[in-house]
């Protein structure tokens, strides 16, 4: 029987086509570009993150200090009451608002040199005492202002280092038992050639002794007492009718202030300008090693509330032109004890 022989066929081999040199070069070039772009992106993200972290860290102290100011300021009070006003014949003519307490905003230069922009002083039940405990409603004098100078007064004696010159936000806080607002100054007024007793300026009583820094690198504090919030879009919406030049004194006897006397303003617009430590070090290294206060906020700024927005804009331009990293904090504080009235007392 004849057998059929099957014809064996060898399987075809799949030959893979290889990359050419040109294709390899193009692929490597594209990969290099992608890696370069990714590296630049990661570098930029890292720089942004580092800058943001540094900025938050630099201004954390200023932010905490700003919160302290606004919290304490909201508790300011005068505890006003009605009292008689008598004529020369001792006859009662009308009632008038009266208070033993005091609220005052002013130019900080009135406190002494190297104190820029504004200062604010008031009385509040903050309960700070060196003697009495658990009396949280004790009245304290409290004040805030910016001062430029060295840190010699604040450094512990065991730290041996060169003086560091900085702007500092200062808090004036004498204990309740040293509150000079209650001291009777009639004898001093009679003896004084201008009729002013030292206790009429209670906020200057041992000011360096009872002041301590809340935050470094705060270059300005702006305080604007206001009667009411303005409507959005209103012209001159930063204008203050009760303190057009920022100054406010609850004891003011001026005829133009007669309707506001012995009242705390219902609102205070508080603005604080802080710079970072790097900028502060650079300023210290310039000139005479920091002994002289650098002019960062010109003396003509923040004299009129009508110019507030313009002054802020010009300040930003000035600081940016000097490559100073800064942050501006601003808020409007409502004073809870205010019973504002523009009615004349009777």
Protein backbone atom coordinates (compact mmCIF):
# COMPACT_ATOMS: atom_id res chain seq x y z
CA UNK A 1 0.00 0.00 0.00
CA UNK A 2 1.39 3.28 -1.04
CA UNK A 3 1.69 5.77 1.77
CA UNK A 4 1.45 9.50 1.30
CA UNK A 5 4.21 11.54 2.71
CA UNK A 6 3.05 14.87 4.13
CA UNK A 7 5.12 17.78 3.13
CA UNK A 8 6.52 19.54 6.15
CA UNK A 9 6.51 23.30 6.02
CA UNK A 10 8.69 25.31 8.34
CA UNK A 11 6.87 28.09 10.20
CA UNK A 12 7.61 31.59 9.12
CA UNK A 13 9.65 33.58 11.56
CA UNK A 14 8.28 37.02 12.59
CA UNK A 15 11.08 39.44 12.20
CA UNK A 16 10.54 42.57 14.31
CA UNK A 17 11.48 45.75 12.62
CA UNK A 18 14.13 47.69 14.61
CA UNK A 19 14.10 51.46 15.45
CA UNK A 20 16.26 53.55 13.29
CA UNK A 21 18.87 55.87 14.77
CA UNK A 22 16.83 58.90 13.76
CA UNK A 23 13.75 57.61 15.59
CA UNK A 24 15.79 56.98 18.74
CA UNK A 25 17.21 60.48 18.63
CA UNK A 26 13.76 62.03 18.21
CA UNK A 27 12.34 59.94 21.08
CA UNK A 28 15.20 60.88 23.39
CA UNK A 29 14.79 64.55 22.49
CA UNK A 30 11.05 64.50 23.24
CA UNK A 31 11.66 62.63 26.51
CA UNK A 32 14.33 65.15 27.53
CA UNK A 33 11.98 68.05 26.82
CA UNK A 34 9.22 66.44 28.88
CA UNK A 35 11.60 65.77 31.79
CA UNK A 36 12.89 69.34 31.61
CA UNK A 37 9.34 70.74 31.65
CA UNK A 38 8.42 68.48 34.56
CA UNK A 39 11.54 69.54 36.48
CA UNK A 40 10.78 73.22 35.93
CA UNK A 41 7.19 72.69 37.01
CA UNK A 42 8.24 70.90 40.20
CA UNK A 43 10.82 73.60 40.91
CA UNK A 44 8.21 76.32 40.47
CA UNK A 45 5.75 74.49 42.72
CA UNK A 46 8.45 74.05 45.36
CA UNK A 47 9.38 77.74 45.19
CA UNK A 48 5.74 78.78 45.47
CA UNK A 49 5.20 76.46 48.41
CA UNK A 50 8.38 77.64 50.15
CA UNK A 51 7.45 81.29 49.55
CA UNK A 52 3.92 80.75 50.85
CA UNK A 53 5.17 78.90 53.94
CA UNK A 54 7.77 81.59 54.60
CA UNK A 55 5.18 84.34 54.14
CA UNK A 56 2.74 82.65 56.52
CA UNK A 57 5.50 82.11 59.07
CA UNK A 58 6.83 85.66 58.73
CA UNK A 59 3.45 87.28 59.29
CA UNK A 60 2.05 84.80 61.82
CA UNK A 61 3.21 86.95 64.74
CA UNK A 62 1.68 90.07 63.20
CA UNK A 63 -1.60 88.24 62.56
CA UNK A 64 -1.83 87.08 66.18
CA UNK A 65 -1.07 90.62 67.40
CA UNK A 66 -3.75 92.04 65.11
CA UNK A 67 -6.31 89.61 66.54
CA UNK A 68 -5.35 90.67 70.08
CA UNK A 69 -5.84 94.34 69.23
CA UNK A 70 -9.25 93.85 67.66
CA UNK A 71 -10.46 91.59 70.47
CA UNK A 72 -9.43 93.99 73.25
CA UNK A 73 -10.57 97.08 71.38
CA UNK A 74 -14.07 95.66 71.04
CA UNK A 75 -14.31 95.72 74.87
CA UNK A 76 -13.46 99.42 75.25
CA UNK A 77 -15.96 101.33 77.33
CA UNK A 78 -16.63 104.62 79.12
CA UNK A 79 -19.49 103.56 81.44
CA UNK A 80 -21.19 106.86 80.71
CA UNK A 81 -23.86 108.24 83.01
CA UNK A 82 -25.96 111.40 83.16
CA UNK A 83 -24.98 114.20 85.52
CA UNK A 84 -26.16 117.69 86.28
CA UNK A 85 -24.67 120.82 84.79
CA UNK A 86 -25.04 123.90 86.97
CA UNK A 87 -24.66 127.60 86.30
CA UNK A 88 -22.76 130.11 88.42
CA UNK A 89 -25.72 130.33 90.77
CA UNK A 90 -25.55 126.59 91.34
CA UNK A 91 -28.81 126.08 89.49
CA UNK A 92 -29.24 122.94 87.41
CA UNK A 93 -29.40 123.93 83.76
CA UNK A 94 -29.29 120.57 81.95
CA UNK A 95 -28.17 117.00 82.02
CA UNK A 96 -24.93 115.98 80.38
CA UNK A 97 -23.06 112.77 79.70
CA UNK A 98 -20.23 112.12 82.12
CA UNK A 99 -17.55 109.49 82.58
CA UNK A 100 -14.35 108.97 84.56
CA UNK A 101 -12.94 106.85 81.75
CA UNK A 102 -11.30 107.94 78.53
CA UNK A 103 -10.97 106.85 74.88
CA UNK A 104 -8.39 108.42 72.61
CA UNK A 105 -6.83 107.99 69.16
CA UNK A 106 -4.03 110.30 68.10
CA UNK A 107 -0.81 110.74 66.17
CA UNK A 108 1.78 108.47 67.81
CA UNK A 109 4.40 111.24 67.55
CA UNK A 110 2.65 112.86 70.54
CA UNK A 111 4.12 110.06 72.65
CA UNK A 112 7.71 110.78 71.62
CA UNK A 113 10.19 110.25 68.79
CA UNK A 114 10.43 107.18 66.56
CA UNK A 115 6.72 106.45 66.84
CA UNK A 116 5.10 106.56 63.39
CA UNK A 117 1.45 106.97 62.32
CA UNK A 118 -1.24 106.47 65.01
CA UNK A 119 -1.76 105.35 68.60
CA UNK A 120 -4.91 104.26 70.39
CA UNK A 121 -5.62 104.19 74.15
CA UNK A 122 -8.72 103.11 76.02
CA UNK A 123 -10.12 101.52 79.18
CA UNK A 124 -11.55 98.01 79.22
CA UNK A 125 -12.48 95.31 81.79
CA UNK A 126 -9.50 93.07 81.04
CA UNK A 127 -8.67 92.03 84.61
CA UNK A 128 -4.87 92.37 84.60
CA UNK A 129 -3.40 92.83 88.08
CA UNK A 130 -0.17 92.14 89.94
CA UNK A 131 -2.03 91.82 93.26
CA UNK A 132 -5.60 90.66 92.78
CA UNK A 133 -6.58 87.27 91.41
CA UNK A 134 -9.74 86.04 89.71
CA UNK A 135 -11.11 89.53 89.17
CA UNK A 136 -11.65 89.42 85.45
CA UNK A 137 -13.70 92.63 85.34
CA UNK A 138 -11.01 94.91 86.74
CA UNK A 139 -10.53 97.92 84.50
CA UNK A 140 -7.21 98.31 82.75
CA UNK A 141 -5.66 101.05 80.71
CA UNK A 142 -4.70 99.59 77.37
CA UNK A 143 -2.90 101.14 74.42
CA UNK A 144 -1.29 100.22 71.12
CA UNK A 145 1.33 102.05 69.08
CA UNK A 146 4.37 101.35 66.89
CA UNK A 147 7.88 102.17 68.05
CA UNK A 148 11.26 101.88 66.35
CA UNK A 149 14.37 101.07 68.35
CA UNK A 150 16.77 98.44 69.65
CA UNK A 151 15.87 95.33 71.60
CA UNK A 152 18.22 96.09 74.52
CA UNK A 153 15.30 96.85 76.83
CA UNK A 154 13.59 93.53 76.10
CA UNK A 155 16.51 91.10 75.97
CA UNK A 156 17.26 88.87 78.96
CA UNK A 157 20.59 89.87 80.56
CA UNK A 158 22.21 86.49 79.84
CA UNK A 159 21.88 86.99 76.07
CA UNK A 160 25.02 88.64 74.76
CA UNK A 161 24.36 89.95 71.25
CA UNK A 162 24.48 93.16 69.29
CA UNK A 163 21.36 95.33 69.51
CA UNK A 164 18.71 94.52 66.92
CA UNK A 165 16.85 97.54 65.57
CA UNK A 166 13.28 96.89 64.50
CA UNK A 167 9.83 98.38 64.23
CA UNK A 168 7.68 96.88 66.98
CA UNK A 169 4.00 96.93 67.77
CA UNK A 170 3.83 97.90 71.44
CA UNK A 171 1.09 97.15 73.96
CA UNK A 172 0.68 99.48 76.94
CA UNK A 173 -0.68 97.45 79.85
CA UNK A 174 -0.25 98.73 83.39
CA UNK A 175 -1.91 96.59 86.07
CA UNK A 176 -5.32 97.70 87.34
CA UNK A 177 -3.88 99.04 90.61
CA UNK A 178 -1.67 101.42 88.58
CA UNK A 179 -4.52 102.77 86.47
CA UNK A 180 -4.02 106.52 86.63
CA UNK A 181 -7.45 107.32 85.22
CA UNK A 182 -8.86 107.36 88.76
CA UNK A 183 -6.28 109.69 90.27
CA UNK A 184 -7.66 113.10 91.24
CA UNK A 185 -5.57 115.72 89.46
CA UNK A 186 -7.27 118.91 90.66
CA UNK A 187 -4.24 120.08 92.65
CA UNK A 188 -1.95 119.47 89.71
CA UNK A 189 -4.28 121.36 87.38
CA UNK A 190 -4.33 124.36 89.67
CA UNK A 191 -0.55 124.34 89.94
CA UNK A 192 0.03 123.79 86.23
CA UNK A 193 0.56 126.91 84.09
CA UNK A 194 -1.61 125.48 81.32
CA UNK A 195 -4.21 123.92 83.60
CA UNK A 196 -3.34 120.36 82.63
CA UNK A 197 -2.61 117.70 85.21
CA UNK A 198 -0.22 114.85 84.57
CA UNK A 199 -3.12 112.46 85.15
CA UNK A 200 -5.05 114.00 82.28
CA UNK A 201 -2.47 112.16 80.18
CA UNK A 202 -2.79 108.84 82.00
CA UNK A 203 -1.70 107.02 78.84
CA UNK A 204 1.80 108.44 79.27
CA UNK A 205 2.19 107.19 82.82
CA UNK A 206 5.42 105.14 82.86
CA UNK A 207 4.85 104.32 79.21
CA UNK A 208 8.21 102.55 78.64
CA UNK A 209 7.87 100.57 81.87
CA UNK A 210 4.45 99.13 81.15
CA UNK A 211 4.84 98.68 77.40
CA UNK A 212 6.00 95.45 75.81
CA UNK A 213 6.30 94.32 72.18
CA UNK A 214 3.45 92.29 70.71
CA UNK A 215 5.08 91.79 67.32
CA UNK A 216 8.21 92.82 65.46
CA UNK A 217 8.35 94.33 61.97
CA UNK A 218 5.02 96.14 62.24
CA UNK A 219 5.74 99.50 60.61
CA UNK A 220 2.40 101.23 61.07
CA UNK A 221 -0.91 101.17 62.94
CA UNK A 222 -3.81 103.20 61.54
CA UNK A 223 -6.93 103.76 63.67
CA UNK A 224 -10.00 105.49 62.24
CA UNK A 225 -13.02 105.96 64.56
CA UNK A 226 -16.23 105.95 62.54
CA UNK A 227 -19.89 106.57 63.15
CA UNK A 228 -21.36 103.96 60.80
CA UNK A 229 -20.60 101.64 57.93
CA UNK A 230 -20.86 103.21 54.50
CA UNK A 231 -22.79 101.81 51.60
CA UNK A 232 -20.81 100.04 48.83
CA UNK A 233 -19.94 102.41 46.04
CA UNK A 234 -20.53 105.51 48.12
CA UNK A 235 -18.17 108.33 47.30
CA UNK A 236 -15.48 108.95 49.93
CA UNK A 237 -16.61 105.82 51.72
CA UNK A 238 -13.54 105.87 53.99
CA UNK A 239 -14.33 109.37 55.24
CA UNK A 240 -15.03 109.64 58.98
CA UNK A 241 -17.37 112.42 60.03
CA UNK A 242 -16.52 112.06 63.73
CA UNK A 243 -12.74 111.83 63.27
CA UNK A 244 -11.89 113.25 59.83
CA UNK A 245 -8.23 113.57 60.79
CA UNK A 246 -8.16 110.23 62.66
CA UNK A 247 -7.90 111.95 66.06
CA UNK A 248 -10.67 111.23 68.55
CA UNK A 249 -10.84 112.25 72.22
CA UNK A 250 -13.89 111.35 74.31
CA UNK A 251 -13.03 114.25 76.66
CA UNK A 252 -12.84 116.81 73.86
CA UNK A 253 -14.66 120.02 74.79
CA UNK A 254 -14.48 121.57 71.33
CA UNK A 255 -17.82 122.93 70.11
CA UNK A 256 -17.56 120.90 66.92
CA UNK A 257 -17.38 117.76 69.04
CA UNK A 258 -20.20 118.63 71.43
CA UNK A 259 -22.56 115.98 70.06
CA UNK A 260 -19.98 113.19 70.48
CA UNK A 261 -18.46 114.03 73.84
CA UNK A 262 -18.15 111.23 76.43
CA UNK A 263 -18.95 108.49 73.94
CA UNK A 264 -16.91 105.66 72.49
CA UNK A 265 -17.29 105.50 68.72
CA UNK A 266 -19.42 102.59 67.52
CA UNK A 267 -16.82 101.47 64.97
CA UNK A 268 -13.05 101.60 64.59
CA UNK A 269 -11.40 100.83 61.27
CA UNK A 270 -8.03 99.31 62.21
CA UNK A 271 -5.24 98.85 59.67
CA UNK A 272 -1.81 97.37 60.38
CA UNK A 273 1.17 97.20 58.01
CA UNK A 274 3.85 94.53 58.58
CA UNK A 275 7.05 93.67 56.72
CA UNK A 276 9.04 90.42 56.70
CA UNK A 277 12.27 89.78 58.59
CA UNK A 278 14.40 89.67 55.43
CA UNK A 279 13.34 93.20 54.53
CA UNK A 280 13.91 94.32 58.14
CA UNK A 281 17.47 92.94 58.12
CA UNK A 282 18.20 94.71 54.85
CA UNK A 283 16.91 97.99 56.26
CA UNK A 284 19.01 97.53 59.39
CA UNK A 285 22.15 97.02 57.31
CA UNK A 286 21.62 100.28 55.45
CA UNK A 287 22.82 103.65 56.67
CA UNK A 288 24.06 103.78 60.28
CA UNK A 289 23.32 100.19 61.18
CA UNK A 290 19.70 100.79 62.02
CA UNK A 291 20.14 103.41 64.76
CA UNK A 292 18.06 105.93 62.78
CA UNK A 293 14.46 105.08 61.97
CA UNK A 294 13.96 104.45 58.24
CA UNK A 295 11.08 106.35 56.71
CA UNK A 296 8.77 103.68 55.35
CA UNK A 297 5.50 105.58 55.86
CA UNK A 298 5.90 109.29 55.03
CA UNK A 299 4.68 111.69 57.68
CA UNK A 300 2.14 113.17 55.27
CA UNK A 301 0.29 109.85 55.02
CA UNK A 302 -2.84 109.03 57.05
CA UNK A 303 -3.62 112.58 58.10
CA UNK A 304 -7.06 112.71 56.49
CA UNK A 305 -9.57 109.89 56.22
CA UNK A 306 -10.62 111.18 52.80
CA UNK A 307 -7.17 110.18 51.54
CA UNK A 308 -7.13 106.73 53.15
CA UNK A 309 -7.42 104.71 49.94
CA UNK A 310 -4.92 106.93 48.14
CA UNK A 311 -2.47 106.67 51.03
CA UNK A 312 -2.77 102.86 51.06
CA UNK A 313 -2.19 102.72 47.29
CA UNK A 314 0.83 105.03 47.48
CA UNK A 315 2.24 103.05 50.41
CA UNK A 316 2.00 99.80 48.44
CA UNK A 317 3.77 101.43 45.48
CA UNK A 318 6.50 102.80 47.75
CA UNK A 319 7.17 99.48 49.48
CA UNK A 320 7.12 97.53 46.20
CA UNK A 321 9.58 99.97 44.63
CA UNK A 322 11.97 99.32 47.53
CA UNK A 323 11.48 95.54 47.14
CA UNK A 324 10.06 95.21 50.64
CA UNK A 325 7.83 92.22 51.24
CA UNK A 326 4.79 93.37 53.23
CA UNK A 327 1.26 92.52 54.28
CA UNK A 328 -1.61 94.82 55.21
CA UNK A 329 -4.19 93.73 57.78
CA UNK A 330 -7.44 95.66 57.96
CA UNK A 331 -10.83 95.24 59.62
CA UNK A 332 -13.65 97.26 61.17
CA UNK A 333 -14.17 96.60 64.88
CA UNK A 334 -17.56 97.11 66.49
CA UNK A 335 -17.32 98.37 70.08
CA UNK A 336 -19.97 96.48 71.98
CA UNK A 337 -20.50 99.00 74.78
CA UNK A 338 -21.16 101.91 72.43
CA UNK A 339 -24.55 103.57 72.82
CA UNK A 340 -23.93 106.10 70.10
CA UNK A 341 -26.12 109.15 70.00
CA UNK A 342 -25.85 112.44 68.15
CA UNK A 343 -28.59 114.00 70.26
CA UNK A 344 -27.51 116.86 72.47
CA UNK A 345 -28.03 116.20 76.16
CA UNK A 346 -30.74 118.16 77.89
